[in-house]
Amino acid sequence: TEIRGLTGPIKFHTGGFRSDFAVDIFNVNEKGIESVGMWNSTSGLEWRPQITDAVGSSNAIANQTFKVLISL
């Protein structure tokens, strides 16, 4: 089954599960929100290497509460 959604086609296979879709993976740190990878149902996980700066890192986001939004 395939329907047209706001972001493009939405497909379901015969078992009722979604197929042919992608999910972006984000990391929240003191620099803000950074895209660190992607997962899709065709090729699996695609991880983007990150350059980290351990010297002078801040604990500005330590002990904070964040809301996480997952949208498919």
PDB file of N, CA and C in Angstrom:
ATOM      1  N   THR A   1       0.836  -1.175   0.000  1.00  0.00           N
ATOM      2  CA  THR A   1       0.000   0.000   0.000  1.00  0.00           C
ATOM      3  C   THR A   1       0.882   1.240   0.000  1.00  0.00           C
ATOM      4  N   GLU A   2       0.506   2.240  -0.772  1.00  0.00           N
ATOM      5  CA  GLU A   2       1.263   3.486  -0.824  1.00  0.00           C
ATOM      6  C   GLU A   2       0.300   4.661  -0.839  1.00  0.00           C
ATOM      7  N   ILE A   3       0.577   5.642   0.023  1.00  0.00           N
ATOM      8  CA  ILE A   3      -0.210   6.878   0.041  1.00  0.00           C
ATOM      9  C   ILE A   3       0.751   8.058  -0.039  1.00  0.00           C
ATOM     10  N   ARG A   4       0.242   9.205  -0.384  1.00  0.00           N
ATOM     11  CA  ARG A   4       1.066  10.410  -0.497  1.00  0.00           C
ATOM     12  C   ARG A   4       0.926  11.210   0.794  1.00  0.00           C
ATOM     13  N   GLY A   5       2.046  11.410   1.506  1.00  0.00           N
ATOM     14  CA  GLY A   5       2.057  12.200   2.734  1.00  0.00           C
ATOM     15  C   GLY A   5       2.614  13.589   2.481  1.00  0.00           C
ATOM     16  N   LEU A   6       2.731  14.389   3.531  1.00  0.00           N
ATOM     17  CA  LEU A   6       3.260  15.748   3.396  1.00  0.00           C
ATOM     18  C   LEU A   6       4.712  15.763   2.957  1.00  0.00           C
ATOM     19  N   THR A   7       5.486  14.735   3.353  1.00  0.00           N
ATOM     20  CA  THR A   7       6.909  14.696   3.012  1.00  0.00           C
ATOM     21  C   THR A   7       7.221  13.753   1.867  1.00  0.00           C
ATOM     22  N   GLY A   8       6.199  13.201   1.246  1.00  0.00           N
ATOM     23  CA  GLY A   8       6.415  12.282   0.129  1.00  0.00           C
ATOM     24  C   GLY A   8       5.607  11.010   0.296  1.00  0.00           C
ATOM     25  N   PRO A   9       5.935   9.992  -0.483  1.00  0.00           N
ATOM     26  CA  PRO A   9       5.171   8.747  -0.417  1.00  0.00           C
ATOM     27  C   PRO A   9       5.393   7.995   0.897  1.00  0.00           C
ATOM     28  N   ILE A  10       4.335   7.376   1.395  1.00  0.00           N
ATOM     29  CA  ILE A  10       4.393   6.525   2.583  1.00  0.00           C
ATOM     30  C   ILE A  10       3.976   5.135   2.136  1.00  0.00           C
ATOM     31  N   LYS A  11       4.880   4.161   2.336  1.00  0.00           N
ATOM     32  CA  LYS A  11       4.624   2.803   1.861  1.00  0.00           C
ATOM     33  C   LYS A  11       4.536   1.827   3.028  1.00  0.00           C
ATOM     34  N   PHE A  12       3.644   0.854   2.891  1.00  0.00           N
ATOM     35  CA  PHE A  12       3.500  -0.228   3.855  1.00  0.00           C
ATOM     36  C   PHE A  12       3.590  -1.545   3.109  1.00  0.00           C
ATOM     37  N   HIS A  13       4.293  -2.523   3.698  1.00  0.00           N
ATOM     38  CA  HIS A  13       4.316  -3.832   3.048  1.00  0.00           C
ATOM     39  C   HIS A  13       3.115  -4.645   3.532  1.00  0.00           C
ATOM     40  N   THR A  14       2.954  -5.833   3.030  1.00  0.00           N
ATOM     41  CA  THR A  14       1.749  -6.627   3.293  1.00  0.00           C
ATOM     42  C   THR A  14       1.542  -6.936   4.766  1.00  0.00           C
ATOM     43  N   GLY A  15       2.603  -6.938   5.574  1.00  0.00           N
ATOM     44  CA  GLY A  15       2.471  -7.184   7.011  1.00  0.00           C
ATOM     45  C   GLY A  15       1.995  -5.968   7.783  1.00  0.00           C
ATOM     46  N   GLY A  16       1.875  -4.813   7.128  1.00  0.00           N
ATOM     47  CA  GLY A  16       1.399  -3.601   7.769  1.00  0.00           C
ATOM     48  C   GLY A  16       2.490  -2.697   8.304  1.00  0.00           C
ATOM     49  N   PHE A  17       3.763  -3.084   8.133  1.00  0.00           N
ATOM     50  CA  PHE A  17       4.870  -2.259   8.598  1.00  0.00           C
ATOM     51  C   PHE A  17       5.325  -1.311   7.494  1.00  0.00           C
ATOM     52  N   ARG A  18       5.866  -0.154   7.894  1.00  0.00           N
ATOM     53  CA  ARG A  18       6.368   0.803   6.897  1.00  0.00           C
ATOM     54  C   ARG A  18       7.556   0.232   6.161  1.00  0.00           C
ATOM     55  N   SER A  19       7.700   0.619   4.901  1.00  0.00           N
ATOM     56  CA  SER A  19       8.849   0.211   4.094  1.00  0.00           C
ATOM     57  C   SER A  19       9.346   1.416   3.312  1.00  0.00           C
ATOM     58  N   ASP A  20      10.583   1.338   2.857  1.00  0.00           N
ATOM     59  CA  ASP A  20      11.187   2.404   2.047  1.00  0.00           C
ATOM     60  C   ASP A  20      11.117   3.772   2.726  1.00  0.00           C
ATOM     61  N   PHE A  21      11.679   3.866   3.943  1.00  0.00           N
ATOM     62  CA  PHE A  21      11.701   5.147   4.634  1.00  0.00           C
ATOM     63  C   PHE A  21      13.072   5.379   5.252  1.00  0.00           C
ATOM     64  N   ALA A  22      13.327   6.615   5.660  1.00  0.00           N
ATOM     65  CA  ALA A  22      14.613   6.991   6.248  1.00  0.00           C
ATOM     66  C   ALA A  22      14.382   7.766   7.542  1.00  0.00           C
ATOM     67  N   VAL A  23      15.345   7.649   8.466  1.00  0.00           N
ATOM     68  CA  VAL A  23      15.303   8.347   9.744  1.00  0.00           C
ATOM     69  C   VAL A  23      16.634   9.071   9.934  1.00  0.00           C
ATOM     70  N   ASP A  24      16.601  10.361  10.229  1.00  0.00           N
ATOM     71  CA  ASP A  24      17.821  11.114  10.531  1.00  0.00           C
ATOM     72  C   ASP A  24      18.167  10.929  12.002  1.00  0.00           C
ATOM     73  N   ILE A  25      19.475  10.861  12.310  1.00  0.00           N
ATOM     74  CA  ILE A  25      19.957  10.684  13.676  1.00  0.00           C
ATOM     75  C   ILE A  25      20.692  11.959  14.075  1.00  0.00           C
ATOM     76  N   PHE A  26      20.297  12.544  15.214  1.00  0.00           N
ATOM     77  CA  PHE A  26      20.880  13.796  15.673  1.00  0.00           C
ATOM     78  C   PHE A  26      21.545  13.619  17.029  1.00  0.00           C
ATOM     79  N   ASN A  27      22.569  14.434  17.281  1.00  0.00           N
ATOM     80  CA  ASN A  27      23.264  14.472  18.559  1.00  0.00           C
ATOM     81  C   ASN A  27      23.073  15.869  19.138  1.00  0.00           C
ATOM     82  N   VAL A  28      22.685  15.927  20.414  1.00  0.00           N
ATOM     83  CA  VAL A  28      22.529  17.212  21.084  1.00  0.00           C
ATOM     84  C   VAL A  28      23.732  17.395  22.001  1.00  0.00           C
ATOM     85  N   ASN A  29      24.477  18.479  21.806  1.00  0.00           N
ATOM     86  CA  ASN A  29      25.637  18.758  22.651  1.00  0.00           C
ATOM     87  C   ASN A  29      25.739  20.256  22.892  1.00  0.00           C
ATOM     88  N   GLU A  30      26.851  20.689  23.500  1.00  0.00           N
ATOM     89  CA  GLU A  30      26.991  22.108  23.838  1.00  0.00           C
ATOM     90  C   GLU A  30      27.017  23.018  22.611  1.00  0.00           C
ATOM     91  N   LYS A  31      27.289  22.468  21.436  1.00  0.00           N
ATOM     92  CA  LYS A  31      27.287  23.256  20.200  1.00  0.00           C
ATOM     93  C   LYS A  31      25.892  23.368  19.598  1.00  0.00           C
ATOM     94  N   GLY A  32      24.959  22.587  20.107  1.00  0.00           N
ATOM     95  CA  GLY A  32      23.605  22.585  19.585  1.00  0.00           C
ATOM     96  C   GLY A  32      23.225  21.209  19.072  1.00  0.00           C
ATOM     97  N   ILE A  33      22.416  21.173  18.050  1.00  0.00           N
ATOM     98  CA  ILE A  33      21.953  19.917  17.462  1.00  0.00           C
ATOM     99  C   ILE A  33      22.734  19.675  16.180  1.00  0.00           C
ATOM    100  N   GLU A  34      23.348  18.489  16.079  1.00  0.00           N
ATOM    101  CA  GLU A  34      24.135  18.143  14.898  1.00  0.00           C
ATOM    102  C   GLU A  34      23.625  16.830  14.312  1.00  0.00           C
ATOM    103  N   SER A  35      23.501  16.781  13.006  1.00  0.00           N
ATOM    104  CA  SER A  35      23.146  15.540  12.328  1.00  0.00           C
ATOM    105  C   SER A  35      24.367  14.629  12.333  1.00  0.00           C
ATOM    106  N   VAL A  36      24.217  13.413  12.877  1.00  0.00           N
ATOM    107  CA  VAL A  36      25.355  12.492  12.974  1.00  0.00           C
ATOM    108  C   VAL A  36      25.182  11.243  12.125  1.00  0.00           C
ATOM    109  N   GLY A  37      24.019  11.069  11.549  1.00  0.00           N
ATOM    110  CA  GLY A  37      23.836   9.885  10.726  1.00  0.00           C
ATOM    111  C   GLY A  37      22.429   9.769  10.185  1.00  0.00           C
ATOM    112  N   MET A  38      22.200   8.629   9.568  1.00  0.00           N
ATOM    113  CA  MET A  38      20.913   8.360   8.937  1.00  0.00           C
ATOM    114  C   MET A  38      20.709   6.851   8.893  1.00  0.00           C
ATOM    115  N   TRP A  39      19.484   6.421   9.011  1.00  0.00           N
ATOM    116  CA  TRP A  39      19.159   5.009   8.842  1.00  0.00           C
ATOM    117  C   TRP A  39      18.041   4.937   7.823  1.00  0.00           C
ATOM    118  N   ASN A  40      18.165   4.002   6.873  1.00  0.00           N
ATOM    119  CA  ASN A  40      17.052   3.780   5.956  1.00  0.00           C
ATOM    120  C   ASN A  40      16.841   2.285   5.783  1.00  0.00           C
ATOM    121  N   SER A  41      15.663   1.937   5.328  1.00  0.00           N
ATOM    122  CA  SER A  41      15.276   0.525   5.246  1.00  0.00           C
ATOM    123  C   SER A  41      15.983  -0.217   4.125  1.00  0.00           C
ATOM    124  N   THR A  42      16.683   0.496   3.254  1.00  0.00           N
ATOM    125  CA  THR A  42      17.390  -0.151   2.152  1.00  0.00           C
ATOM    126  C   THR A  42      18.836  -0.467   2.511  1.00  0.00           C
ATOM    127  N   SER A  43      19.591   0.543   2.974  1.00  0.00           N
ATOM    128  CA  SER A  43      21.025   0.336   3.231  1.00  0.00           C
ATOM    129  C   SER A  43      21.400   0.329   4.704  1.00  0.00           C
ATOM    130  N   GLY A  44      20.456   0.517   5.604  1.00  0.00           N
ATOM    131  CA  GLY A  44      20.747   0.466   7.033  1.00  0.00           C
ATOM    132  C   GLY A  44      21.366   1.756   7.550  1.00  0.00           C
ATOM    133  N   LEU A  45      22.290   1.615   8.512  1.00  0.00           N
ATOM    134  CA  LEU A  45      22.878   2.755   9.197  1.00  0.00           C
ATOM    135  C   LEU A  45      24.003   3.386   8.390  1.00  0.00           C
ATOM    136  N   GLU A  46      23.953   4.699   8.260  1.00  0.00           N
ATOM    137  CA  GLU A  46      25.030   5.478   7.651  1.00  0.00           C
ATOM    138  C   GLU A  46      25.468   6.492   8.697  1.00  0.00           C
ATOM    139  N   TRP A  47      26.623   6.244   9.334  1.00  0.00           N
ATOM    140  CA  TRP A  47      27.123   7.080  10.423  1.00  0.00           C
ATOM    141  C   TRP A  47      28.117   8.087   9.882  1.00  0.00           C
ATOM    142  N   ARG A  48      27.973   9.347  10.222  1.00  0.00           N
ATOM    143  CA  ARG A  48      28.906  10.382   9.783  1.00  0.00           C
ATOM    144  C   ARG A  48      29.952  10.590  10.870  1.00  0.00           C
ATOM    145  N   PRO A  49      31.234  10.476  10.535  1.00  0.00           N
ATOM    146  CA  PRO A  49      32.272  10.679  11.556  1.00  0.00           C
ATOM    147  C   PRO A  49      32.224  12.102  12.103  1.00  0.00           C
ATOM    148  N   GLN A  50      32.442  12.227  13.404  1.00  0.00           N
ATOM    149  CA  GLN A  50      32.396  13.524  14.065  1.00  0.00           C
ATOM    150  C   GLN A  50      33.774  13.907  14.583  1.00  0.00           C
ATOM    151  N   ILE A  51      34.096  15.174  14.481  1.00  0.00           N
ATOM    152  CA  ILE A  51      35.331  15.694  15.057  1.00  0.00           C
ATOM    153  C   ILE A  51      34.978  16.221  16.440  1.00  0.00           C
ATOM    154  N   THR A  52      35.627  15.680  17.463  1.00  0.00           N
ATOM    155  CA  THR A  52      35.321  16.103  18.826  1.00  0.00           C
ATOM    156  C   THR A  52      36.457  16.938  19.386  1.00  0.00           C
ATOM    157  N   ASP A  53      36.105  17.872  20.210  1.00  0.00           N
ATOM    158  CA  ASP A  53      37.072  18.742  20.867  1.00  0.00           C
ATOM    159  C   ASP A  53      36.953  18.517  22.364  1.00  0.00           C
ATOM    160  N   ALA A  54      37.752  17.610  22.907  1.00  0.00           N
ATOM    161  CA  ALA A  54      37.685  17.280  24.325  1.00  0.00           C
ATOM    162  C   ALA A  54      38.282  18.386  25.186  1.00  0.00           C
ATOM    163  N   VAL A  55      39.201  19.160  24.643  1.00  0.00           N
ATOM    164  CA  VAL A  55      39.835  20.231  25.403  1.00  0.00           C
ATOM    165  C   VAL A  55      38.862  21.392  25.524  1.00  0.00           C
ATOM    166  N   GLY A  56      38.610  21.813  26.740  1.00  0.00           N
ATOM    167  CA  GLY A  56      37.728  22.952  26.967  1.00  0.00           C
ATOM    168  C   GLY A  56      36.259  22.635  26.777  1.00  0.00           C
ATOM    169  N   SER A  57      35.891  21.357  26.823  1.00  0.00           N
ATOM    170  CA  SER A  57      34.483  21.022  26.652  1.00  0.00           C
ATOM    171  C   SER A  57      33.693  21.518  27.858  1.00  0.00           C
ATOM    172  N   SER A  58      32.475  21.837  27.621  1.00  0.00           N
ATOM    173  CA  SER A  58      31.627  22.438  28.643  1.00  0.00           C
ATOM    174  C   SER A  58      30.585  21.443  29.118  1.00  0.00           C
ATOM    175  N   ASN A  59      30.152  21.615  30.344  1.00  0.00           N
ATOM    176  CA  ASN A  59      29.057  20.803  30.872  1.00  0.00           C
ATOM    177  C   ASN A  59      27.765  21.606  30.855  1.00  0.00           C
ATOM    178  N   ALA A  60      27.621  22.512  29.898  1.00  0.00           N
ATOM    179  CA  ALA A  60      26.467  23.400  29.834  1.00  0.00           C
ATOM    180  C   ALA A  60      25.152  22.644  29.703  1.00  0.00           C
ATOM    181  N   ILE A  61      25.173  21.448  29.142  1.00  0.00           N
ATOM    182  CA  ILE A  61      23.928  20.694  28.990  1.00  0.00           C
ATOM    183  C   ILE A  61      23.807  19.580  30.023  1.00  0.00           C
ATOM    184  N   ALA A  62      24.761  19.506  30.960  1.00  0.00           N
ATOM    185  CA  ALA A  62      24.693  18.488  32.012  1.00  0.00           C
ATOM    186  C   ALA A  62      23.505  18.779  32.923  1.00  0.00           C
ATOM    187  N   ASN A  63      22.851  17.737  33.380  1.00  0.00           N
ATOM    188  CA  ASN A  63      21.718  17.824  34.309  1.00  0.00           C
ATOM    189  C   ASN A  63      20.566  18.664  33.766  1.00  0.00           C
ATOM    190  N   GLN A  64      20.369  18.632  32.464  1.00  0.00           N
ATOM    191  CA  GLN A  64      19.266  19.336  31.826  1.00  0.00           C
ATOM    192  C   GLN A  64      18.246  18.317  31.327  1.00  0.00           C
ATOM    193  N   THR A  65      17.012  18.736  31.182  1.00  0.00           N
ATOM    194  CA  THR A  65      15.956  17.887  30.639  1.00  0.00           C
ATOM    195  C   THR A  65      15.673  18.329  29.209  1.00  0.00           C
ATOM    196  N   PHE A  66      15.604  17.363  28.305  1.00  0.00           N
ATOM    197  CA  PHE A  66      15.350  17.658  26.900  1.00  0.00           C
ATOM    198  C   PHE A  66      14.115  16.909  26.437  1.00  0.00           C
ATOM    199  N   LYS A  67      13.392  17.500  25.508  1.00  0.00           N
ATOM    200  CA  LYS A  67      12.278  16.822  24.857  1.00  0.00           C
ATOM    201  C   LYS A  67      12.801  16.241  23.556  1.00  0.00           C
ATOM    202  N   VAL A  68      12.489  14.985  23.300  1.00  0.00           N
ATOM    203  CA  VAL A  68      12.940  14.310  22.088  1.00  0.00           C
ATOM    204  C   VAL A  68      11.724  14.046  21.218  1.00  0.00           C
ATOM    205  N   LEU A  69      11.784  14.486  19.970  1.00  0.00           N
ATOM    206  CA  LEU A  69      10.691  14.297  19.023  1.00  0.00           C
ATOM    207  C   LEU A  69      11.115  13.275  17.988  1.00  0.00           C
ATOM    208  N   ILE A  70      10.317  12.239  17.839  1.00  0.00           N
ATOM    209  CA  ILE A  70      10.563  11.234  16.814  1.00  0.00           C
ATOM    210  C   ILE A  70       9.384  11.286  15.861  1.00  0.00           C
ATOM    211  N   SER A  71       9.672  11.546  14.613  1.00  0.00           N
ATOM    212  CA  SER A  71       8.623  11.671  13.617  1.00  0.00           C
ATOM    213  C   SER A  71       8.917  10.754  12.453  1.00  0.00           C
ATOM    214  N   LEU A  72       7.967   9.917  12.113  1.00  0.00           N
ATOM    215  CA  LEU A  72       8.129   9.008  10.973  1.00  0.00           C
ATOM    216  C   LEU A  72       7.172   9.399   9.875  1.00  0.00           C
TER     217      LEU A  72
END
